[in-house]
Amino acid sequence: MPTERGVDTEKVKRRLVAAGGRLAHEFGFNRTAGEVLASLYLTNGEASLDELEAELHLSKAAVSLAATQLDRLGLVHRIRRPGDRKRYYRSADDIGTALQHGILKFASARMAALQTELQEAESLLKQAVATGGEAFLRRRVARLNQLNQRASRLIKNPLVKLFSKLG
């Protein structure tokens, strides 16, 4: 909608939402989740899945999945209206702190998945035929395991959690 100065605020919002999607994608996150988060952050109040679907020109399934992921990370909150079956969402009030917390949760989950892969690799390497190359690979996997465990401890450190809340 153009204002008195002729600025189309919807166009500005669309550009920022697209930038949020690109940024999320560049950091290895889901582009749709980035767009949903940006849209909700730039929305005064809450928006229904139907409204997000129409605004973002995405399927309801894609928007629903993104909103659910963002809700789990604490970046958006689901709003319930008595007697209304639609799902509504709004962005977290303190988006900076929510982003920091969400990124820590995301990193922790990824590191846990890596830990599982490294344990499986170590188990398989114990059964490997001695060719000389397996010893090198065992050392590298062991080192990755140590680094992953250190990083995991760092992320779970109470001081890191405290600083992430200070925003």
C-alpha atoms as a PDB file:
ATOM      1  CA  MET A   1       0.000   0.000   0.000  1.00  0.00           C
ATOM      2  CA  PRO A   2       1.509   3.352  -0.998  1.00  0.00           C
ATOM      3  CA  THR A   3       1.790   5.858   1.829  1.00  0.00           C
ATOM      4  CA  GLU A   4       1.656   9.647   1.587  1.00  0.00           C
ATOM      5  CA  ARG A   5       5.214   9.588   0.237  1.00  0.00           C
ATOM      6  CA  GLY A   6       4.352   6.948  -2.342  1.00  0.00           C
ATOM      7  CA  VAL A   7       6.314   4.097  -0.704  1.00  0.00           C
ATOM      8  CA  ASP A   8       4.741   0.701  -1.284  1.00  0.00           C
ATOM      9  CA  THR A   9       5.141  -0.932   2.156  1.00  0.00           C
ATOM     10  CA  GLU A  10       4.024  -4.324   0.841  1.00  0.00           C
ATOM     11  CA  LYS A  11       6.802  -4.222  -1.744  1.00  0.00           C
ATOM     12  CA  VAL A  12       9.320  -3.402   0.988  1.00  0.00           C
ATOM     13  CA  LYS A  13       8.026  -6.313   3.055  1.00  0.00           C
ATOM     14  CA  ARG A  14       8.216  -8.700   0.063  1.00  0.00           C
ATOM     15  CA  ARG A  15      11.835  -7.715  -0.535  1.00  0.00           C
ATOM     16  CA  LEU A  16      12.745  -8.252   3.115  1.00  0.00           C
ATOM     17  CA  VAL A  17      10.938 -11.602   3.213  1.00  0.00           C
ATOM     18  CA  ALA A  18      12.829 -12.733   0.101  1.00  0.00           C
ATOM     19  CA  ALA A  19      16.097 -11.567   1.689  1.00  0.00           C
ATOM     20  CA  GLY A  20      15.235 -13.548   4.836  1.00  0.00           C
ATOM     21  CA  GLY A  21      14.715 -16.658   2.729  1.00  0.00           C
ATOM     22  CA  ARG A  22      18.016 -16.172   0.900  1.00  0.00           C
ATOM     23  CA  LEU A  23      19.886 -15.564   4.147  1.00  0.00           C
ATOM     24  CA  ALA A  24      18.424 -18.687   5.734  1.00  0.00           C
ATOM     25  CA  HIS A  25      19.394 -20.702   2.653  1.00  0.00           C
ATOM     26  CA  GLU A  26      22.937 -19.299   2.628  1.00  0.00           C
ATOM     27  CA  PHE A  27      23.368 -20.382   6.251  1.00  0.00           C
ATOM     28  CA  GLY A  28      22.165 -23.895   5.451  1.00  0.00           C
ATOM     29  CA  PHE A  29      18.630 -23.526   6.765  1.00  0.00           C
ATOM     30  CA  ASN A  30      15.359 -24.019   4.948  1.00  0.00           C
ATOM     31  CA  ARG A  31      14.567 -21.061   2.642  1.00  0.00           C
ATOM     32  CA  THR A  32      10.832 -21.394   3.310  1.00  0.00           C
ATOM     33  CA  ALA A  33      11.427 -21.242   7.065  1.00  0.00           C
ATOM     34  CA  GLY A  34      13.447 -18.070   6.551  1.00  0.00           C
ATOM     35  CA  GLU A  35      10.646 -16.524   4.531  1.00  0.00           C
ATOM     36  CA  VAL A  36       7.977 -17.532   7.063  1.00  0.00           C
ATOM     37  CA  LEU A  37      10.069 -16.158   9.937  1.00  0.00           C
ATOM     38  CA  ALA A  38      10.720 -12.870   8.124  1.00  0.00           C
ATOM     39  CA  SER A  39       7.061 -12.521   7.174  1.00  0.00           C
ATOM     40  CA  LEU A  40       5.852 -13.135  10.717  1.00  0.00           C
ATOM     41  CA  TYR A  41       8.463 -10.790  12.165  1.00  0.00           C
ATOM     42  CA  LEU A  42       7.283  -8.045   9.814  1.00  0.00           C
ATOM     43  CA  THR A  43       3.599  -8.714  10.552  1.00  0.00           C
ATOM     44  CA  ASN A  44       1.851  -6.675  13.226  1.00  0.00           C
ATOM     45  CA  GLY A  45       0.201  -9.426  15.279  1.00  0.00           C
ATOM     46  CA  GLU A  46      -0.313 -12.953  14.053  1.00  0.00           C
ATOM     47  CA  ALA A  47      -0.996 -14.545  10.696  1.00  0.00           C
ATOM     48  CA  SER A  48      -2.834 -17.721   9.772  1.00  0.00           C
ATOM     49  CA  LEU A  49      -1.288 -20.443   7.654  1.00  0.00           C
ATOM     50  CA  ASP A  50      -3.741 -19.451   4.900  1.00  0.00           C
ATOM     51  CA  GLU A  51      -2.518 -15.848   5.010  1.00  0.00           C
ATOM     52  CA  LEU A  52       1.136 -16.941   4.928  1.00  0.00           C
ATOM     53  CA  GLU A  53       0.437 -19.335   2.064  1.00  0.00           C
ATOM     54  CA  ALA A  54      -1.183 -16.558   0.015  1.00  0.00           C
ATOM     55  CA  GLU A  55       1.473 -13.968   0.841  1.00  0.00           C
ATOM     56  CA  LEU A  56       4.448 -16.235   0.150  1.00  0.00           C
ATOM     57  CA  HIS A  57       2.898 -18.098  -2.822  1.00  0.00           C
ATOM     58  CA  LEU A  58       3.817 -21.431  -1.237  1.00  0.00           C
ATOM     59  CA  SER A  59       1.855 -24.588  -0.531  1.00  0.00           C
ATOM     60  CA  LYS A  60       0.059 -24.926   2.765  1.00  0.00           C
ATOM     61  CA  ALA A  61       2.165 -28.019   3.515  1.00  0.00           C
ATOM     62  CA  ALA A  62       5.432 -26.108   3.032  1.00  0.00           C
ATOM     63  CA  VAL A  63       4.260 -23.212   5.198  1.00  0.00           C
ATOM     64  CA  SER A  64       2.901 -25.565   7.863  1.00  0.00           C
ATOM     65  CA  LEU A  65       6.132 -27.548   8.028  1.00  0.00           C
ATOM     66  CA  ALA A  66       8.233 -24.377   8.239  1.00  0.00           C
ATOM     67  CA  ALA A  67       6.006 -22.874  10.942  1.00  0.00           C
ATOM     68  CA  THR A  68       6.169 -26.095  12.965  1.00  0.00           C
ATOM     69  CA  GLN A  69       9.983 -26.147  12.724  1.00  0.00           C
ATOM     70  CA  LEU A  70      10.212 -22.494  13.719  1.00  0.00           C
ATOM     71  CA  ASP A  71       7.834 -23.106  16.631  1.00  0.00           C
ATOM     72  CA  ARG A  72      10.029 -25.977  17.884  1.00  0.00           C
ATOM     73  CA  LEU A  73      13.035 -23.656  17.777  1.00  0.00           C
ATOM     74  CA  GLY A  74      11.154 -20.964  19.696  1.00  0.00           C
ATOM     75  CA  LEU A  75      11.374 -18.471  16.832  1.00  0.00           C
ATOM     76  CA  VAL A  76       7.604 -18.260  16.367  1.00  0.00           C
ATOM     77  CA  HIS A  77       4.684 -19.091  18.620  1.00  0.00           C
ATOM     78  CA  ARG A  78       1.423 -20.767  17.737  1.00  0.00           C
ATOM     79  CA  ILE A  79      -1.626 -18.765  18.757  1.00  0.00           C
ATOM     80  CA  ARG A  80      -4.920 -20.466  19.517  1.00  0.00           C
ATOM     81  CA  ARG A  81      -8.215 -18.649  19.105  1.00  0.00           C
ATOM     82  CA  PRO A  82     -11.210 -20.118  20.918  1.00  0.00           C
ATOM     83  CA  GLY A  83     -13.631 -21.705  18.461  1.00  0.00           C
ATOM     84  CA  ASP A  84     -11.282 -21.234  15.496  1.00  0.00           C
ATOM     85  CA  ARG A  85      -9.621 -24.329  14.034  1.00  0.00           C
ATOM     86  CA  LYS A  86      -7.148 -22.349  11.934  1.00  0.00           C
ATOM     87  CA  ARG A  87      -3.526 -22.243  13.030  1.00  0.00           C
ATOM     88  CA  TYR A  88      -2.127 -18.802  13.697  1.00  0.00           C
ATOM     89  CA  TYR A  89       1.489 -17.858  14.372  1.00  0.00           C
ATOM     90  CA  ARG A  90       3.392 -14.781  15.476  1.00  0.00           C
ATOM     91  CA  SER A  91       7.110 -14.156  15.710  1.00  0.00           C
ATOM     92  CA  ALA A  92       8.922 -14.265  19.025  1.00  0.00           C
ATOM     93  CA  ASP A  93       8.923 -10.879  20.737  1.00  0.00           C
ATOM     94  CA  ASP A  94      12.700 -10.817  21.182  1.00  0.00           C
ATOM     95  CA  ILE A  95      13.780 -12.184  17.811  1.00  0.00           C
ATOM     96  CA  GLY A  96      17.496 -11.718  18.523  1.00  0.00           C
ATOM     97  CA  THR A  97      17.467 -13.904  21.610  1.00  0.00           C
ATOM     98  CA  ALA A  98      15.099 -16.364  19.952  1.00  0.00           C
ATOM     99  CA  LEU A  99      17.418 -16.649  16.937  1.00  0.00           C
ATOM    100  CA  GLN A 100      20.441 -17.233  19.157  1.00  0.00           C
ATOM    101  CA  HIS A 101      18.558 -19.875  21.137  1.00  0.00           C
ATOM    102  CA  GLY A 102      17.194 -21.475  17.961  1.00  0.00           C
ATOM    103  CA  ILE A 103      20.615 -21.605  16.347  1.00  0.00           C
ATOM    104  CA  LEU A 104      22.057 -23.253  19.474  1.00  0.00           C
ATOM    105  CA  LYS A 105      19.281 -25.879  19.403  1.00  0.00           C
ATOM    106  CA  PHE A 106      19.836 -26.434  15.677  1.00  0.00           C
ATOM    107  CA  ALA A 107      23.608 -26.780  16.129  1.00  0.00           C
ATOM    108  CA  SER A 108      23.132 -29.190  19.050  1.00  0.00           C
ATOM    109  CA  ALA A 109      20.851 -31.402  16.986  1.00  0.00           C
ATOM    110  CA  ARG A 110      23.284 -31.430  14.055  1.00  0.00           C
ATOM    111  CA  MET A 111      26.196 -32.244  16.327  1.00  0.00           C
ATOM    112  CA  ALA A 112      24.250 -35.104  17.902  1.00  0.00           C
ATOM    113  CA  ALA A 113      23.605 -36.505  14.417  1.00  0.00           C
ATOM    114  CA  LEU A 114      27.300 -36.179  13.591  1.00  0.00           C
ATOM    115  CA  GLN A 115      28.160 -37.971  16.843  1.00  0.00           C
ATOM    116  CA  THR A 116      26.014 -40.921  15.772  1.00  0.00           C
ATOM    117  CA  GLU A 117      27.751 -41.050  12.377  1.00  0.00           C
ATOM    118  CA  LEU A 118      31.188 -40.881  13.975  1.00  0.00           C
ATOM    119  CA  GLN A 119      30.366 -43.693  16.393  1.00  0.00           C
ATOM    120  CA  GLU A 120      29.146 -45.827  13.494  1.00  0.00           C
ATOM    121  CA  ALA A 121      32.333 -45.045  11.560  1.00  0.00           C
ATOM    122  CA  GLU A 122      34.500 -46.010  14.528  1.00  0.00           C
ATOM    123  CA  SER A 123      32.620 -49.284  14.887  1.00  0.00           C
ATOM    124  CA  LEU A 124      33.040 -50.099  11.196  1.00  0.00           C
ATOM    125  CA  LEU A 125      36.724 -49.176  11.233  1.00  0.00           C
ATOM    126  CA  LYS A 126      37.362 -51.598  14.096  1.00  0.00           C
ATOM    127  CA  GLN A 127      36.273 -54.346  11.717  1.00  0.00           C
ATOM    128  CA  ALA A 128      38.294 -52.994   8.773  1.00  0.00           C
ATOM    129  CA  VAL A 129      40.955 -55.108   7.144  1.00  0.00           C
ATOM    130  CA  ALA A 130      44.449 -53.877   7.976  1.00  0.00           C
ATOM    131  CA  THR A 131      45.666 -52.145   4.825  1.00  0.00           C
ATOM    132  CA  GLY A 132      47.528 -49.263   6.403  1.00  0.00           C
ATOM    133  CA  GLY A 133      44.949 -46.697   5.311  1.00  0.00           C
ATOM    134  CA  GLU A 134      42.469 -47.668   7.998  1.00  0.00           C
ATOM    135  CA  ALA A 135      44.866 -46.519  10.765  1.00  0.00           C
ATOM    136  CA  PHE A 136      44.979 -43.016   9.276  1.00  0.00           C
ATOM    137  CA  LEU A 137      41.202 -42.955   8.911  1.00  0.00           C
ATOM    138  CA  ARG A 138      40.733 -44.184  12.504  1.00  0.00           C
ATOM    139  CA  ARG A 139      42.919 -41.320  13.792  1.00  0.00           C
ATOM    140  CA  ARG A 140      40.994 -38.766  11.749  1.00  0.00           C
ATOM    141  CA  VAL A 141      37.603 -40.084  12.901  1.00  0.00           C
ATOM    142  CA  ALA A 142      38.819 -40.117  16.511  1.00  0.00           C
ATOM    143  CA  ARG A 143      39.964 -36.499  16.133  1.00  0.00           C
ATOM    144  CA  LEU A 144      36.634 -35.464  14.609  1.00  0.00           C
ATOM    145  CA  ASN A 145      34.892 -37.205  17.490  1.00  0.00           C
ATOM    146  CA  GLN A 146      36.956 -35.207  20.018  1.00  0.00           C
ATOM    147  CA  LEU A 147      36.271 -31.926  18.214  1.00  0.00           C
ATOM    148  CA  ASN A 148      32.557 -32.652  17.998  1.00  0.00           C
ATOM    149  CA  GLN A 149      32.399 -33.519  21.708  1.00  0.00           C
ATOM    150  CA  ARG A 150      34.256 -30.313  22.649  1.00  0.00           C
ATOM    151  CA  ALA A 151      31.968 -28.195  20.497  1.00  0.00           C
ATOM    152  CA  SER A 152      28.938 -29.938  21.975  1.00  0.00           C
ATOM    153  CA  ARG A 153      30.147 -29.253  25.521  1.00  0.00           C
ATOM    154  CA  LEU A 154      30.770 -25.632  24.587  1.00  0.00           C
ATOM    155  CA  ILE A 155      27.247 -25.181  23.242  1.00  0.00           C
ATOM    156  CA  LYS A 156      25.764 -26.816  26.359  1.00  0.00           C
ATOM    157  CA  ASN A 157      27.912 -24.678  28.677  1.00  0.00           C
ATOM    158  CA  PRO A 158      25.706 -22.636  31.044  1.00  0.00           C
ATOM    159  CA  LEU A 159      27.691 -19.484  30.257  1.00  0.00           C
ATOM    160  CA  VAL A 160      27.005 -19.828  26.523  1.00  0.00           C
ATOM    161  CA  LYS A 161      23.311 -20.290  27.284  1.00  0.00           C
ATOM    162  CA  LEU A 162      23.365 -17.239  29.571  1.00  0.00           C
ATOM    163  CA  PHE A 163      25.096 -15.068  26.962  1.00  0.00           C
ATOM    164  CA  SER A 164      22.653 -16.218  24.286  1.00  0.00           C
ATOM    165  CA  LYS A 165      19.803 -14.938  26.476  1.00  0.00           C
ATOM    166  CA  LEU A 166      21.402 -11.524  26.999  1.00  0.00           C
ATOM    167  CA  GLY A 167      20.984 -10.758  23.295  1.00  0.00           C
END
